C-alpha atoms as a PDB file:
ATOM      1  CA  MET A   1      12.461  63.071 -69.011  1.00  0.00           C
ATOM      2  CA  LYS A   2       8.529  62.367 -67.152  1.00  0.00           C
ATOM      3  CA  SER A   3       9.066  58.715 -68.854  1.00  0.00           C
ATOM      4  CA  ASN A   4      12.411  58.486 -67.585  1.00  0.00           C
ATOM      5  CA  VAL A   5      11.119  59.375 -64.550  1.00  0.00           C
ATOM      6  CA  GLU A   6       7.651  57.128 -63.810  1.00  0.00           C
ATOM      7  CA  HIS A   7       9.852  54.353 -65.508  1.00  0.00           C
ATOM      8  CA  GLU A   8      12.471  54.517 -62.152  1.00  0.00           C
ATOM      9  CA  THR A   9       9.138  54.834 -59.648  1.00  0.00           C
ATOM     10  CA  SER A  10       7.736  52.183 -61.307  1.00  0.00           C
ATOM     11  CA  ASP A  11      11.477  49.945 -60.760  1.00  0.00           C
ATOM     12  CA  GLY A  12      11.266  51.440 -57.529  1.00  0.00           C
ATOM     13  CA  SER A  13       7.958  50.301 -56.252  1.00  0.00           C
ATOM     14  CA  SER A  14       8.676  46.421 -58.317  1.00  0.00           C
ATOM     15  CA  LEU A  15      11.670  46.424 -56.022  1.00  0.00           C
ATOM     16  CA  LEU A  16       9.899  47.068 -52.966  1.00  0.00           C
ATOM     17  CA  ALA A  17       7.051  45.373 -53.319  1.00  0.00           C
ATOM     18  CA  GLY A  18      10.038  42.835 -53.962  1.00  0.00           C
ATOM     19  CA  GLY A  19      11.420  43.367 -50.738  1.00  0.00           C
ATOM     20  CA  ILE A  20       8.025  43.154 -48.645  1.00  0.00           C
ATOM     21  CA  ALA A  21       7.077  39.265 -50.080  1.00  0.00           C
ATOM     22  CA  ASP A  22      10.343  38.245 -49.114  1.00  0.00           C
ATOM     23  CA  LEU A  23      10.318  39.459 -45.301  1.00  0.00           C
ATOM     24  CA  MET A  24       7.038  38.063 -45.283  1.00  0.00           C
ATOM     25  CA  THR A  25       7.875  34.933 -46.509  1.00  0.00           C
ATOM     26  CA  SER A  26      10.684  34.819 -44.092  1.00  0.00           C
ATOM     27  CA  LEU A  27       8.749  35.950 -40.876  1.00  0.00           C
ATOM     28  CA  ALA A  28       5.772  33.235 -42.216  1.00  0.00           C
ATOM     29  CA  VAL A  29       8.861  30.554 -41.593  1.00  0.00           C
ATOM     30  CA  ILE A  30       9.902  31.894 -38.398  1.00  0.00           C
ATOM     31  CA  PHE A  31       6.709  31.522 -37.335  1.00  0.00           C
ATOM     32  CA  ILE A  32       6.529  28.295 -38.790  1.00  0.00           C
ATOM     33  CA  LEU A  33       9.596  26.710 -36.621  1.00  0.00           C
ATOM     34  CA  LEU A  34       8.543  28.221 -33.460  1.00  0.00           C
ATOM     35  CA  LEU A  35       5.334  26.644 -33.489  1.00  0.00           C
ATOM     36  CA  ALA A  36       6.567  23.780 -34.441  1.00  0.00           C
ATOM     37  CA  ALA A  37       9.214  24.166 -31.338  1.00  0.00           C
ATOM     38  CA  TYR A  38       6.612  25.013 -28.885  1.00  0.00           C
ATOM     39  CA  ILE A  39       4.211  22.022 -29.996  1.00  0.00           C
ATOM     40  CA  THR A  40       7.514  19.714 -28.891  1.00  0.00           C
ATOM     41  CA  ARG A  41       7.829  21.417 -25.863  1.00  0.00           C
ATOM     42  CA  VAL A  42       4.162  20.849 -25.048  1.00  0.00           C
ATOM     43  CA  GLU A  43       4.492  16.704 -26.105  1.00  0.00           C
ATOM     44  CA  ASP A  44       7.803  16.494 -23.799  1.00  0.00           C
ATOM     45  CA  GLY A  45       6.217  18.089 -21.243  1.00  0.00           C
ATOM     46  CA  ASN A  46       3.712  16.128 -21.014  1.00  0.00           C
ATOM     47  CA  ALA A  47       5.759  13.041 -21.407  1.00  0.00           C
ATOM     48  CA  LYS A  48       6.983  12.276 -17.902  1.00  0.00           C
ATOM     49  CA  PRO A  49      10.389  10.191 -18.330  1.00  0.00           C
ATOM     50  CA  ALA A  50      10.648   7.041 -16.193  1.00  0.00           C
ATOM     51  CA  GLY A  51      12.784   8.374 -13.191  1.00  0.00           C
ATOM     52  CA  SER A  52      10.220  11.668 -12.800  1.00  0.00           C
ATOM     53  CA  GLU A  53       7.007   9.458 -12.706  1.00  0.00           C
ATOM     54  CA  SER A  54       7.832   7.637  -9.440  1.00  0.00           C
ATOM     55  CA  ARG A  55       8.787  10.788  -7.558  1.00  0.00           C
ATOM     56  CA  GLU A  56       5.512  13.415  -8.565  1.00  0.00           C
ATOM     57  CA  THR A  57       3.175   9.839  -7.771  1.00  0.00           C
ATOM     58  CA  THR A  58       5.070   9.799  -4.427  1.00  0.00           C
ATOM     59  CA  VAL A  59       4.347  13.754  -3.632  1.00  0.00           C
ATOM     60  CA  ARG A  60       1.059  14.073  -5.536  1.00  0.00           C
ATOM     61  CA  GLU A  61      -0.482  11.282  -5.156  1.00  0.00           C
ATOM     62  CA  VAL A  62      -0.121   8.853  -2.238  1.00  0.00           C
ATOM     63  CA  PRO A  63       1.014   9.642   0.743  1.00  0.00           C
ATOM     64  CA  LEU A  64       3.236   7.481   2.773  1.00  0.00           C
ATOM     65  CA  GLN A  65       1.524   5.634   5.336  1.00  0.00           C
ATOM     66  CA  PRO A  66      -2.660   5.286   4.889  1.00  0.00           C
ATOM     67  CA  PRO A  67      -4.384   7.978   7.162  1.00  0.00           C
ATOM     68  CA  HIS A  68      -6.439   4.961   8.808  1.00  0.00           C
ATOM     69  CA  LEU A  69      -3.222   2.534   9.337  1.00  0.00           C
ATOM     70  CA  THR A  70      -0.346   2.372  11.524  1.00  0.00           C
ATOM     71  CA  VAL A  71       2.585   0.405  12.421  1.00  0.00           C
ATOM     72  CA  GLU A  72       4.178  -1.121  15.360  1.00  0.00           C
ATOM     73  CA  ARG A  73       7.956  -2.103  15.156  1.00  0.00           C
ATOM     74  CA  SER A  74       8.515  -5.231  16.678  1.00  0.00           C
ATOM     75  CA  SER A  75       9.997  -5.518  20.105  1.00  0.00           C
ATOM     76  CA  VAL A  76      12.642  -8.416  18.765  1.00  0.00           C
ATOM     77  CA  ASP A  77      13.799  -7.181  16.011  1.00  0.00           C
ATOM     78  CA  PRO A  78      13.491  -2.944  15.844  1.00  0.00           C
ATOM     79  CA  ASP A  79      14.154  -3.213  11.830  1.00  0.00           C
ATOM     80  CA  VAL A  80      10.936  -4.616  11.417  1.00  0.00           C
ATOM     81  CA  LEU A  81       7.303  -3.009  11.132  1.00  0.00           C
ATOM     82  CA  ARG A  82       4.172  -4.832  11.406  1.00  0.00           C
ATOM     83  CA  VAL A  83       0.973  -2.762  10.026  1.00  0.00           C
ATOM     84  CA  VAL A  84      -1.368  -3.046  12.196  1.00  0.00           C
ATOM     85  CA  ILE A  85      -5.042  -4.205  10.033  1.00  0.00           C
ATOM     86  CA  PRO A  86      -8.571  -3.413  10.989  1.00  0.00           C
ATOM     87  CA  THR A  87     -10.295  -6.518  12.446  1.00  0.00           C
ATOM     88  CA  ALA A  88     -11.962  -8.884  10.670  1.00  0.00           C
ATOM     89  CA  ILE A  89     -10.678  -7.281   7.290  1.00  0.00           C
ATOM     90  CA  LEU A  90      -7.847  -9.726   5.758  1.00  0.00           C
ATOM     91  CA  ASN A  91      -9.575 -12.695   6.822  1.00  0.00           C
ATOM     92  CA  PHE A  92     -10.695 -16.145   5.301  1.00  0.00           C
ATOM     93  CA  GLU A  93     -13.557 -17.912   5.382  1.00  0.00           C
ATOM     94  CA  LEU A  94     -12.900 -21.892   7.005  1.00  0.00           C
ATOM     95  CA  GLY A  95     -10.915 -23.807   4.648  1.00  0.00           C
ATOM     96  CA  LYS A  96     -10.352 -21.284   1.572  1.00  0.00           C
ATOM     97  CA  SER A  97      -8.076 -18.719   0.605  1.00  0.00           C
ATOM     98  CA  THR A  98     -10.687 -16.997  -1.741  1.00  0.00           C
ATOM     99  CA  LEU A  99     -10.340 -12.739  -1.352  1.00  0.00           C
ATOM    100  CA  LEU A 100     -13.571 -11.858   0.233  1.00  0.00           C
ATOM    101  CA  PRO A 101     -14.785  -8.280  -1.086  1.00  0.00           C
ATOM    102  CA  PRO A 102     -13.817  -6.265   1.859  1.00  0.00           C
ATOM    103  CA  ALA A 103     -10.330  -7.758   1.770  1.00  0.00           C
ATOM    104  CA  GLU A 104     -10.080  -6.731  -1.896  1.00  0.00           C
ATOM    105  CA  ALA A 105     -11.316  -3.108  -0.700  1.00  0.00           C
ATOM    106  CA  PHE A 106      -9.103  -2.876   2.007  1.00  0.00           C
ATOM    107  CA  LEU A 107      -6.805  -3.950  -0.906  1.00  0.00           C
ATOM    108  CA  ALA A 108      -7.248  -1.395  -3.817  1.00  0.00           C
ATOM    109  CA  ASP A 109      -7.025   1.052  -0.939  1.00  0.00           C
ATOM    110  CA  THR A 110      -3.913   0.392   0.847  1.00  0.00           C
ATOM    111  CA  ILE A 111      -1.796  -1.678  -1.021  1.00  0.00           C
ATOM    112  CA  PRO A 112      -0.907   1.911  -3.532  1.00  0.00           C
ATOM    113  CA  TYR A 113       0.458   3.728  -0.863  1.00  0.00           C
ATOM    114  CA  TYR A 114       3.036   0.574   0.462  1.00  0.00           C
ATOM    115  CA  ALA A 115       3.633   0.535  -3.189  1.00  0.00           C
ATOM    116  CA  THR A 116       4.646   3.984  -3.280  1.00  0.00           C
ATOM    117  CA  MET A 117       6.782   3.705  -0.100  1.00  0.00           C
ATOM    118  CA  ILE A 118       8.319   0.701  -1.063  1.00  0.00           C
ATOM    119  CA  CYS A 119       9.534   1.942  -4.541  1.00  0.00           C
ATOM    120  CA  GLY A 120       9.676   5.588  -4.136  1.00  0.00           C
ATOM    121  CA  GLN A 121      12.219   7.995  -3.507  1.00  0.00           C
ATOM    122  CA  GLN A 122      12.287   6.465   0.085  1.00  0.00           C
ATOM    123  CA  GLY A 123      12.116   2.959  -0.851  1.00  0.00           C
ATOM    124  CA  HIS A 124      15.791   1.971  -0.134  1.00  0.00           C
ATOM    125  CA  ASP A 125      15.223   1.602   3.228  1.00  0.00           C
ATOM    126  CA  VAL A 126      12.867  -0.858   3.055  1.00  0.00           C
ATOM    127  CA  GLU A 127      14.724  -4.434   2.457  1.00  0.00           C
ATOM    128  CA  SER A 128      11.654  -6.487   2.424  1.00  0.00           C
ATOM    129  CA  PHE A 129       7.573  -6.143   2.713  1.00  0.00           C
ATOM    130  CA  VAL A 130       6.743  -9.476   3.502  1.00  0.00           C
ATOM    131  CA  ILE A 131       2.861 -10.436   3.097  1.00  0.00           C
ATOM    132  CA  GLU A 132       2.432 -13.429   5.448  1.00  0.00           C
ATOM    133  CA  GLY A 133      -0.910 -15.462   5.837  1.00  0.00           C
ATOM    134  CA  TYR A 134      -2.105 -17.547   9.194  1.00  0.00           C
ATOM    135  CA  THR A 135      -4.761 -20.622  10.361  1.00  0.00           C
ATOM    136  CA  ASP A 136      -6.685 -21.397  13.035  1.00  0.00           C
ATOM    137  CA  ASP A 137      -6.163 -23.946  15.109  1.00  0.00           C
ATOM    138  CA  GLN A 138      -8.114 -26.906  13.453  1.00  0.00           C
ATOM    139  CA  GLY A 139      -6.891 -29.438  10.998  1.00  0.00           C
ATOM    140  CA  GLU A 140      -3.624 -30.444  10.184  1.00  0.00           C
ATOM    141  CA  ASP A 141      -0.315 -28.896  10.427  1.00  0.00           C
ATOM    142  CA  ILE A 142       0.901 -29.677   7.155  1.00  0.00           C
ATOM    143  CA  HIS A 143      -3.042 -28.452   5.132  1.00  0.00           C
ATOM    144  CA  ASN A 144      -2.738 -25.735   7.583  1.00  0.00           C
ATOM    145  CA  LEU A 145       0.792 -24.931   6.239  1.00  0.00           C
ATOM    146  CA  LYS A 146      -0.440 -25.227   2.591  1.00  0.00           C
ATOM    147  CA  LEU A 147      -4.177 -22.907   3.440  1.00  0.00           C
ATOM    148  CA  SER A 148      -1.927 -19.781   5.122  1.00  0.00           C
ATOM    149  CA  GLN A 149       0.727 -20.208   1.605  1.00  0.00           C
ATOM    150  CA  ASP A 150      -2.101 -19.790  -0.733  1.00  0.00           C
ATOM    151  CA  ARG A 151      -3.618 -17.366   1.520  1.00  0.00           C
ATOM    152  CA  SER A 152      -0.393 -15.282   1.311  1.00  0.00           C
ATOM    153  CA  PHE A 153      -0.477 -15.913  -2.376  1.00  0.00           C
ATOM    154  CA  ALA A 154      -3.919 -14.909  -3.083  1.00  0.00           C
ATOM    155  CA  VAL A 155      -3.042 -11.442  -1.366  1.00  0.00           C
ATOM    156  CA  LEU A 156       0.031 -10.886  -3.237  1.00  0.00           C
ATOM    157  CA  ALA A 157      -1.318 -11.584  -6.636  1.00  0.00           C
ATOM    158  CA  LYS A 158      -4.418  -8.854  -6.207  1.00  0.00           C
ATOM    159  CA  GLY A 159      -1.905  -6.662  -4.417  1.00  0.00           C
ATOM    160  CA  LEU A 160       0.391  -6.938  -8.101  1.00  0.00           C
ATOM    161  CA  GLU A 161      -2.570  -6.962 -10.207  1.00  0.00           C
ATOM    162  CA  ILE A 162      -4.140  -3.671  -8.161  1.00  0.00           C
ATOM    163  CA  ILE A 163      -0.132  -2.036  -9.091  1.00  0.00           C
ATOM    164  CA  ARG A 164      -0.210  -3.218 -12.768  1.00  0.00           C
ATOM    165  CA  ALA A 165      -3.393  -0.782 -12.784  1.00  0.00           C
ATOM    166  CA  ARG A 166      -2.195   1.814 -10.839  1.00  0.00           C
ATOM    167  CA  LEU A 167       1.261   2.644 -10.340  1.00  0.00           C
ATOM    168  CA  PRO A 168       2.796   0.547 -12.525  1.00  0.00           C
ATOM    169  CA  TRP A 169       6.085   1.943 -12.750  1.00  0.00           C
ATOM    170  CA  ALA A 170       6.178   0.387  -9.288  1.00  0.00           C
ATOM    171  CA  TYR A 171       5.411  -2.760 -10.743  1.00  0.00           C
ATOM    172  CA  GLU A 172       8.473  -5.114 -11.268  1.00  0.00           C
ATOM    173  CA  CYS A 173       9.899  -3.266  -7.906  1.00  0.00           C
ATOM    174  CA  PHE A 174       6.781  -4.393  -6.171  1.00  0.00           C
ATOM    175  CA  GLN A 175       7.404  -7.639  -6.920  1.00  0.00           C
ATOM    176  CA  GLN A 176      11.140  -7.940  -6.167  1.00  0.00           C
ATOM    177  CA  LYS A 177      10.449  -6.411  -2.907  1.00  0.00           C
ATOM    178  CA  ALA A 178       7.460  -8.435  -1.663  1.00  0.00           C
ATOM    179  CA  SER A 179       6.842 -11.789  -0.728  1.00  0.00           C
ATOM    180  CA  ALA A 180       4.348 -14.018   0.526  1.00  0.00           C
ATOM    181  CA  ASN A 181       5.301 -16.840   3.343  1.00  0.00           C
ATOM    182  CA  GLY A 182       2.722 -18.912   4.888  1.00  0.00           C
ATOM    183  CA  ARG A 183       2.944 -19.451   8.914  1.00  0.00           C
ATOM    184  CA  GLY A 184       0.265 -21.906   9.573  1.00  0.00           C
ATOM    185  CA  ARG A 185      -1.504 -21.769  12.642  1.00  0.00           C
ATOM    186  CA  GLN A 186       1.421 -19.731  14.408  1.00  0.00           C
ATOM    187  CA  ASP A 187       0.474 -16.946  16.529  1.00  0.00           C
ATOM    188  CA  LEU A 188      -3.111 -17.410  17.434  1.00  0.00           C
ATOM    189  CA  MET A 189      -5.297 -14.313  18.040  1.00  0.00           C
ATOM    190  CA  ARG A 190      -6.763 -15.034  21.391  1.00  0.00           C
ATOM    191  CA  ASN A 191     -10.366 -13.769  23.073  1.00  0.00           C
ATOM    192  CA  ALA A 192     -10.401 -11.976  26.597  1.00  0.00           C
ATOM    193  CA  VAL A 193     -10.011 -15.184  28.526  1.00  0.00           C
ATOM    194  CA  GLY A 194      -6.878 -16.303  26.445  1.00  0.00           C
ATOM    195  CA  GLN A 195      -9.080 -19.235  23.707  1.00  0.00           C
ATOM    196  CA  PRO A 196      -8.021 -19.167  20.258  1.00  0.00           C
ATOM    197  CA  ASP A 197     -10.315 -16.602  18.512  1.00  0.00           C
ATOM    198  CA  ARG A 198     -10.730 -19.238  14.838  1.00  0.00           C
ATOM    199  CA  GLU A 199     -12.392 -16.620  12.990  1.00  0.00           C
ATOM    200  CA  LYS A 200      -9.852 -13.600  13.815  1.00  0.00           C
ATOM    201  CA  SER A 201      -6.812 -16.530  13.794  1.00  0.00           C
ATOM    202  CA  ARG A 202      -7.478 -17.007   9.503  1.00  0.00           C
ATOM    203  CA  ARG A 203      -5.845 -13.595   8.472  1.00  0.00           C
ATOM    204  CA  VAL A 204      -3.158 -12.049   6.543  1.00  0.00           C
ATOM    205  CA  ILE A 205      -0.794  -9.721   7.680  1.00  0.00           C
ATOM    206  CA  PHE A 206       1.670  -7.337   6.915  1.00  0.00           C
ATOM    207  CA  LYS A 207       5.291  -6.588   7.467  1.00  0.00           C
ATOM    208  CA  ILE A 208       7.739  -4.090   6.257  1.00  0.00           C
ATOM    209  CA  HIS A 209      11.645  -4.975   6.642  1.00  0.00           C
ATOM    210  CA  LEU A 210      13.762  -2.604   7.043  1.00  0.00           C
ATOM    211  CA  ARG A 211      17.576  -2.002   5.763  1.00  0.00           C
ATOM    212  CA  HIS A 212      19.865  -2.345   8.852  1.00  0.00           C
ATOM    213  CA  THR A 213      21.997   0.576   9.118  1.00  0.00           C
END
């Protein structure tokens, strides 16, 4: 009788040990599945979808207006805003279209603001971003027209380079909405006595064209 009891106890211990082993195996499988799900969720959270990247950049990184710049509404067309750029920032040497170091620094600091404004959530209000180049009153008109066009293109090319490096999500949008125009010797800057200020006239300006409402 004693041997039968011992045999039954031994069989019960074996069954109990087997059940515990199965339970531990199931728990291990569940833990692995939960861990895999957690890792996947973390990776998905870190990978920003294309649509949300522009929103986060707009809200967190780039305010809508650079703090050191202002805009003026055109007296001729209320849907045109002119960016007031500090004197001698986007100016050029006589007869040249090469960007000077202050101009490159200025563009690196400000172009991302406008790329975000144009291509972010509020971009549907912007029809185009126009870069206009100018010359002084010296030289032939045709030469000055080409020179002013080269200056505006130099600014646009640098701006696209900056956007591609810092805000790649806005690159194609900005390329579509931005344009570069040469205005030659039109709209000369003048000094206090009304004479043309040639140094200040060799410049590039920004204009924001809003959609008609």
